[in-house]
C-alpha cells in the first residue's frame, strides 16, 4: 500500500510539474535538460565544436542539449550503465565508468583529444535512508571529478551534481585544488525541497 501511495504522489507531482510539461512539449528527453540549460546560460560552457563527456547520461536530456549546442564539429561522449536511444552527434558507451576498462573506452572515444567539459547529473538509487544515500551520492560525485581530471584539457570545466550535506565541503575543497573557480548552482528546475545542487568548476589546471 505504501508503494502504491508513493507512486501515486510521484505521478501527481509529475503531472503538475511545469518543467515536465515543457520537456514533453519541446521534445526534450527529460526535465533535467532545463537544469543544464540554465547553468549554461550563466556559465557559457557549451560552445560550437566543443568536446563533452556526459557521465550517467541516460535518458539523454543533458547530452541532447549538449549535442545541439556543440554542433556537427563537436563531440558528445555519453556514458551510462543503461541502454539509451542514440542522438545525432553523440557517441555512446554502455558501461560502469568506475571500471578502468570503461575509462579506457572513454579515452579511446576521445581519439587523442581532451574534453572541454565533463558533465555528471548522476544520483544513486534512493533508499530513503539519508545515512546510506548521501555517501553513495558523494561517491558518484567523487568518481566524476576523478574522471574529469583525467580527460579535461587545461582550461576545461566540470559540472557535477551533489546533495547538500556530509562530504560536500570536502569535495569542494578537493575540486578547488584543480580549478580556478568553483561555485554552487541550484537551477530553477531543481525542486525546491530537494538537497540537489551542482558544483560548477571552471578553468581546470593540471
Protein backbone atom coordinates (compact mmCIF):
# COMPACT_ATOMS: atom_id res chain seq x y z
CA UNK A 1 0.00 0.00 0.00
CA UNK A 2 2.82 2.39 0.86
CA UNK A 3 4.49 1.82 -2.50
CA UNK A 4 1.24 2.48 -4.36
CA UNK A 5 0.72 5.66 -2.37
CA UNK A 6 4.26 6.82 -3.08
CA UNK A 7 3.88 6.02 -6.78
CA UNK A 8 0.63 7.93 -6.90
CA UNK A 9 2.18 11.00 -5.32
CA UNK A 10 5.06 10.86 -7.80
CA UNK A 11 2.64 10.71 -10.76
CA UNK A 12 0.66 13.64 -9.37
CA UNK A 13 3.81 15.68 -8.90
CA UNK A 14 4.96 14.89 -12.43
CA UNK A 15 1.59 15.91 -13.84
CA UNK A 16 1.77 19.27 -12.04
CA UNK A 17 5.43 19.93 -12.81
CA UNK A 18 5.76 22.75 -15.39
CA UNK A 19 9.22 21.54 -16.42
CA UNK A 20 7.85 18.05 -17.17
CA UNK A 21 5.11 19.56 -19.34
CA UNK A 22 7.59 21.87 -21.04
CA UNK A 23 10.01 19.00 -21.74
CA UNK A 24 7.20 16.97 -23.31
CA UNK A 25 6.07 19.93 -25.38
CA UNK A 26 9.55 20.86 -26.63
CA UNK A 27 10.79 17.33 -27.27
CA UNK A 28 13.40 17.04 -24.52
CA UNK A 29 14.05 13.58 -23.16
CA UNK A 30 13.85 14.74 -19.55
CA UNK A 31 13.11 17.83 -17.46
CA UNK A 32 16.79 17.73 -16.44
CA UNK A 33 17.63 19.45 -19.74
CA UNK A 34 16.40 22.72 -18.22
CA UNK A 35 18.88 22.42 -15.34
CA UNK A 36 21.82 22.28 -17.73
CA UNK A 37 20.21 24.94 -19.91
CA UNK A 38 20.14 27.42 -17.01
CA UNK A 39 23.68 26.56 -15.89
CA UNK A 40 24.91 27.01 -19.45
CA UNK A 41 23.15 30.37 -19.81
CA UNK A 42 25.03 31.59 -16.73
CA UNK A 43 28.40 29.99 -17.39
CA UNK A 44 28.58 29.70 -21.22
CA UNK A 45 30.04 26.20 -21.11
CA UNK A 46 28.63 24.66 -24.30
CA UNK A 47 30.30 26.10 -27.39
CA UNK A 48 30.32 25.13 -31.04
CA UNK A 49 32.94 22.49 -31.71
CA UNK A 50 33.39 21.57 -28.04
CA UNK A 51 34.14 18.06 -26.76
CA UNK A 52 31.81 16.98 -23.95
CA UNK A 53 31.77 13.85 -21.75
CA UNK A 54 28.39 13.17 -20.10
CA UNK A 55 28.58 10.65 -17.24
CA UNK A 56 25.40 8.85 -16.22
CA UNK A 57 23.77 10.22 -19.35
CA UNK A 58 20.51 8.21 -19.64
CA UNK A 59 17.82 9.04 -20.62
CA UNK A 60 19.74 11.69 -22.52
CA UNK A 61 18.36 15.13 -21.65
CA UNK A 62 21.78 16.64 -20.99
CA UNK A 63 23.59 15.13 -23.98
CA UNK A 64 20.61 16.05 -26.18
CA UNK A 65 21.17 19.70 -25.27
CA UNK A 66 24.96 19.35 -25.44
CA UNK A 67 24.87 17.81 -28.93
CA UNK A 68 22.65 20.63 -30.15
CA UNK A 69 24.97 23.30 -28.72
CA UNK A 70 28.33 21.88 -29.86
CA UNK A 71 27.07 21.21 -33.37
CA UNK A 72 28.42 18.82 -36.02
CA UNK A 73 32.00 19.95 -35.42
CA UNK A 74 31.81 18.98 -31.76
CA UNK A 75 31.63 15.66 -29.97
CA UNK A 76 29.48 14.36 -27.12
CA UNK A 77 30.50 11.12 -25.43
CA UNK A 78 27.72 9.71 -23.27
CA UNK A 79 28.34 7.01 -20.66
CA UNK A 80 25.78 5.00 -18.69
CA UNK A 81 25.03 1.52 -17.43
CA UNK A 82 21.61 1.66 -19.11
CA UNK A 83 20.80 1.40 -22.78
CA UNK A 84 19.96 4.71 -24.41
CA UNK A 85 18.41 5.70 -27.71
CA UNK A 86 21.02 7.26 -30.00
CA UNK A 87 21.30 11.01 -30.52
CA UNK A 88 22.88 12.62 -33.58
CA UNK A 89 26.38 13.84 -32.75
CA UNK A 90 26.72 11.55 -29.73
CA UNK A 91 28.91 8.51 -29.15
CA UNK A 92 27.51 6.15 -26.56
CA UNK A 93 29.48 3.93 -24.19
CA UNK A 94 27.44 1.47 -22.16
CA UNK A 95 29.38 0.54 -19.07
CA UNK A 96 30.30 1.32 -15.49
CA UNK A 97 32.66 4.30 -15.51
CA UNK A 98 34.05 3.22 -12.13
CA UNK A 99 35.68 0.35 -14.07
CA UNK A 100 39.08 1.04 -15.61
CA UNK A 101 38.01 -0.66 -18.84
CA UNK A 102 35.18 1.87 -19.29
CA UNK A 103 37.52 4.77 -18.54
CA UNK A 104 39.85 3.48 -21.24
CA UNK A 105 36.91 3.32 -23.68
CA UNK A 106 36.17 6.98 -22.91
CA UNK A 107 39.76 7.92 -23.73
CA UNK A 108 39.62 5.84 -26.91
CA UNK A 109 36.41 7.62 -27.96
CA UNK A 110 38.17 10.95 -27.43
CA UNK A 111 40.64 9.87 -30.09
CA UNK A 112 43.61 11.69 -28.63
CA UNK A 113 41.62 14.84 -27.90
CA UNK A 114 40.94 16.27 -24.46
CA UNK A 115 37.46 17.20 -23.25
CA UNK A 116 36.33 20.79 -22.88
CA UNK A 117 33.56 19.86 -20.44
CA UNK A 118 32.63 16.93 -18.19
CA UNK A 119 29.02 16.65 -17.01
CA UNK A 120 27.52 14.46 -14.30
CA UNK A 121 23.85 14.56 -13.32
CA UNK A 122 24.07 11.21 -11.55
CA UNK A 123 22.30 10.19 -8.40
CA UNK A 124 22.17 6.79 -6.68
CA UNK A 125 19.01 4.76 -6.42
CA UNK A 126 17.37 6.45 -3.44
CA UNK A 127 16.59 4.20 -0.48
CA UNK A 128 15.11 6.95 1.68
CA UNK A 129 17.82 6.40 4.29
CA UNK A 130 19.93 9.57 4.20
CA UNK A 131 22.86 7.96 6.02
CA UNK A 132 23.07 5.45 3.15
CA UNK A 133 22.08 7.65 0.21
CA UNK A 134 24.42 10.57 0.94
CA UNK A 135 27.66 8.52 0.91
CA UNK A 136 26.54 6.83 -2.31
CA UNK A 137 25.82 10.19 -3.94
CA UNK A 138 29.16 11.59 -2.82
CA UNK A 139 30.97 8.53 -4.17
CA UNK A 140 29.45 9.14 -7.62
CA UNK A 141 30.40 12.82 -7.49
CA UNK A 142 33.96 11.95 -6.49
CA UNK A 143 34.26 9.45 -9.34
CA UNK A 144 33.02 12.09 -11.79
CA UNK A 145 35.60 14.58 -10.51
CA UNK A 146 38.36 11.97 -10.83
CA UNK A 147 37.43 11.26 -14.45
CA UNK A 148 37.25 14.98 -15.21
CA UNK A 149 40.80 15.46 -14.03
CA UNK A 150 41.86 12.59 -16.26
CA UNK A 151 40.22 13.71 -19.51
CA UNK A 152 39.87 17.52 -19.35
CA UNK A 153 42.11 19.92 -21.23
CA UNK A 154 43.70 22.79 -19.30
CA UNK A 155 41.01 25.45 -19.00
CA UNK A 156 38.19 22.89 -19.19
CA UNK A 157 35.14 22.72 -16.93
CA UNK A 158 33.18 20.29 -14.76
CA UNK A 159 29.51 20.30 -13.73
CA UNK A 160 28.64 17.67 -11.12
CA UNK A 161 25.53 17.01 -9.08
CA UNK A 162 25.84 16.83 -5.31
CA UNK A 163 23.37 16.77 -2.45
CA UNK A 164 23.91 19.29 0.33
CA UNK A 165 25.27 17.55 3.41
CA UNK A 166 28.18 15.44 4.54
CA UNK A 167 31.08 15.25 2.13
CA UNK A 168 30.25 18.30 0.02
CA UNK A 169 32.71 20.71 1.70
CA UNK A 170 35.50 18.14 1.36
CA UNK A 171 34.73 17.52 -2.32
CA UNK A 172 34.52 21.25 -2.96
CA UNK A 173 37.98 21.79 -1.47
CA UNK A 174 39.41 18.89 -3.48
CA UNK A 175 37.99 20.33 -6.71
CA UNK A 176 39.19 23.84 -5.84
CA UNK A 177 42.74 22.50 -5.78
CA UNK A 178 42.48 21.80 -9.52
CA UNK A 179 40.15 24.53 -10.85
CA UNK A 180 40.48 28.30 -10.71
CA UNK A 181 36.81 28.84 -9.81
CA UNK A 182 34.26 26.56 -8.12
CA UNK A 183 30.72 27.67 -7.31
CA UNK A 184 27.41 26.07 -6.42
CA UNK A 185 24.32 26.44 -8.61
CA UNK A 186 20.74 25.39 -7.94
CA UNK A 187 18.76 25.79 -11.16
CA UNK A 188 15.07 26.65 -11.10
CA UNK A 189 14.28 23.17 -12.45
CA UNK A 190 15.77 21.61 -9.30
CA UNK A 191 12.84 21.08 -6.98
CA UNK A 192 12.90 23.47 -4.04
CA UNK A 193 12.50 20.69 -1.48
CA UNK A 194 15.46 18.77 -2.90
CA UNK A 195 19.01 18.96 -1.48
CA UNK A 196 20.25 18.76 -5.06
CA UNK A 197 22.69 21.34 -6.33
CA UNK A 198 25.54 21.45 -8.82
CA UNK A 199 29.20 22.27 -8.38
CA UNK A 200 30.42 24.21 -11.40
CA UNK A 201 34.21 24.14 -11.68
CA UNK A 202 35.90 26.37 -14.25
CA UNK A 203 39.40 26.66 -15.74
CA UNK A 204 40.96 23.30 -14.98
CA UNK A 205 44.66 23.43 -14.22
CA UNK A 206 46.98 20.41 -14.27
